[in-house]
Amino acid sequence: MRYEYSPITTRPAGRWPGGRKLAVYVAVGVEDYRFGEGLTEDLLPGVEAPDLVNTAWRDYGNRVGAFRLFHRLAEFEFRRRCCSTPWCTRPRRT
């Protein structure tokens, strides 16, 4: 479906449920990778293998960071939903 162009300056004001003034969307990416394989962020160049510094930085989000974010969102009574792709439902490599 395509919509006709309308400049934002001429559009009617949007309305959120309950008369709220702000909508927030938080997306958390959960990654799957094997230690020592693939491309990683190079936060500390020149580290010899095994690259524990960069791997630990990546792993923190999956093991700790995401759950801290979920708890914080719960404190503010944010509604949470799970967005996933078929990739997420495949059996994990062994």
Protein backbone atom coordinates (compact mmCIF):
# COMPACT_ATOMS: atom_id res chain seq x y z
CA MET A 1 0.00 0.00 0.00
CA ARG A 2 1.31 3.46 -0.87
CA TYR A 3 0.28 6.72 0.70
CA GLU A 4 0.24 10.12 -0.93
CA TYR A 5 2.99 12.49 0.15
CA SER A 6 2.04 14.95 2.84
CA PRO A 7 4.54 17.37 4.40
CA ILE A 8 4.83 16.96 8.14
CA THR A 9 4.02 20.65 8.62
CA THR A 10 0.52 20.18 7.21
CA ARG A 11 -0.42 16.87 8.85
CA PRO A 12 -2.91 16.73 11.69
CA ALA A 13 -1.46 16.14 15.15
CA GLY A 14 -1.01 12.47 16.01
CA ARG A 15 -2.84 10.93 18.94
CA TRP A 16 -1.52 8.17 21.20
CA PRO A 17 -3.76 5.91 23.30
CA GLY A 18 -4.74 7.37 26.65
CA GLY A 19 -3.73 10.88 25.60
CA ARG A 20 -0.05 10.07 26.10
CA LYS A 21 2.52 12.42 24.59
CA LEU A 22 5.39 10.05 23.84
CA ALA A 23 5.92 6.59 22.37
CA VAL A 24 9.14 4.64 22.95
CA TYR A 25 10.35 1.54 21.16
CA VAL A 26 13.30 -0.41 22.55
CA ALA A 27 14.86 -3.15 20.42
CA VAL A 28 17.37 -5.58 21.91
CA GLY A 29 19.54 -7.55 19.51
CA VAL A 30 20.58 -10.98 20.74
CA GLU A 31 23.48 -12.46 18.81
CA ASP A 32 24.65 -16.02 18.36
CA TYR A 33 28.32 -16.69 17.66
CA ARG A 34 31.09 -19.14 18.43
CA PHE A 35 34.08 -18.11 20.47
CA GLY A 36 37.05 -17.28 18.26
CA GLU A 37 35.12 -17.39 14.96
CA GLY A 38 33.85 -14.68 12.66
CA LEU A 39 34.34 -10.94 12.77
CA THR A 40 34.32 -9.09 16.07
CA GLU A 41 34.53 -5.50 17.21
CA ASP A 42 38.16 -4.53 17.66
CA LEU A 43 37.90 -2.53 20.90
CA LEU A 44 41.45 -3.24 21.94
CA PRO A 45 43.62 -3.68 18.83
CA GLY A 46 46.59 -5.99 18.96
CA VAL A 47 45.27 -8.43 21.58
CA GLU A 48 46.57 -11.94 20.95
CA ALA A 49 44.29 -14.97 20.65
CA PRO A 50 42.19 -15.90 22.42
CA ASP A 51 40.73 -12.39 22.29
CA LEU A 52 39.02 -12.38 25.68
CA VAL A 53 38.65 -8.58 25.89
CA ASN A 54 36.60 -8.14 22.73
CA THR A 55 34.69 -11.40 23.17
CA ALA A 56 33.75 -10.51 26.76
CA TRP A 57 32.47 -7.12 25.58
CA ARG A 58 30.19 -8.84 23.05
CA ASP A 59 29.09 -11.56 25.44
CA TYR A 60 28.12 -9.13 28.24
CA GLY A 61 25.05 -7.92 26.35
CA ASN A 62 23.66 -11.42 25.85
CA ARG A 63 24.38 -12.69 29.36
CA VAL A 64 23.88 -9.61 31.53
CA GLY A 65 23.08 -6.38 29.71
CA ALA A 66 19.80 -7.45 28.10
CA PHE A 67 18.41 -8.70 31.41
CA ARG A 68 19.41 -5.49 33.21
CA LEU A 69 17.54 -3.57 30.53
CA PHE A 70 14.46 -5.82 30.91
CA HIS A 71 14.42 -5.25 34.68
CA ARG A 72 14.75 -1.50 34.22
CA LEU A 73 11.89 -1.44 31.71
CA ALA A 74 9.76 -3.42 34.17
CA GLU A 75 10.40 -0.77 36.84
CA PHE A 76 8.78 1.79 34.55
CA GLU A 77 5.98 -0.62 33.57
CA PHE A 78 6.95 -0.75 29.89
CA ARG A 79 5.03 -3.34 27.95
CA ARG A 80 7.43 -5.88 26.52
CA ARG A 81 7.12 -7.94 23.37
CA CYS A 82 9.45 -10.35 21.65
CA CYS A 83 10.35 -9.82 18.00
CA SER A 84 12.06 -12.79 16.41
CA THR A 85 12.97 -14.15 13.03
CA PRO A 86 13.04 -17.74 11.80
CA TRP A 87 16.82 -17.61 12.30
CA CYS A 88 16.23 -17.44 16.07
CA THR A 89 14.18 -20.63 16.09
CA ARG A 90 16.75 -22.87 14.36
CA PRO A 91 18.49 -25.48 16.52
CA ARG A 92 21.75 -24.19 17.97
CA ARG A 93 24.97 -25.45 16.45
CA THR A 94 26.90 -27.92 18.57
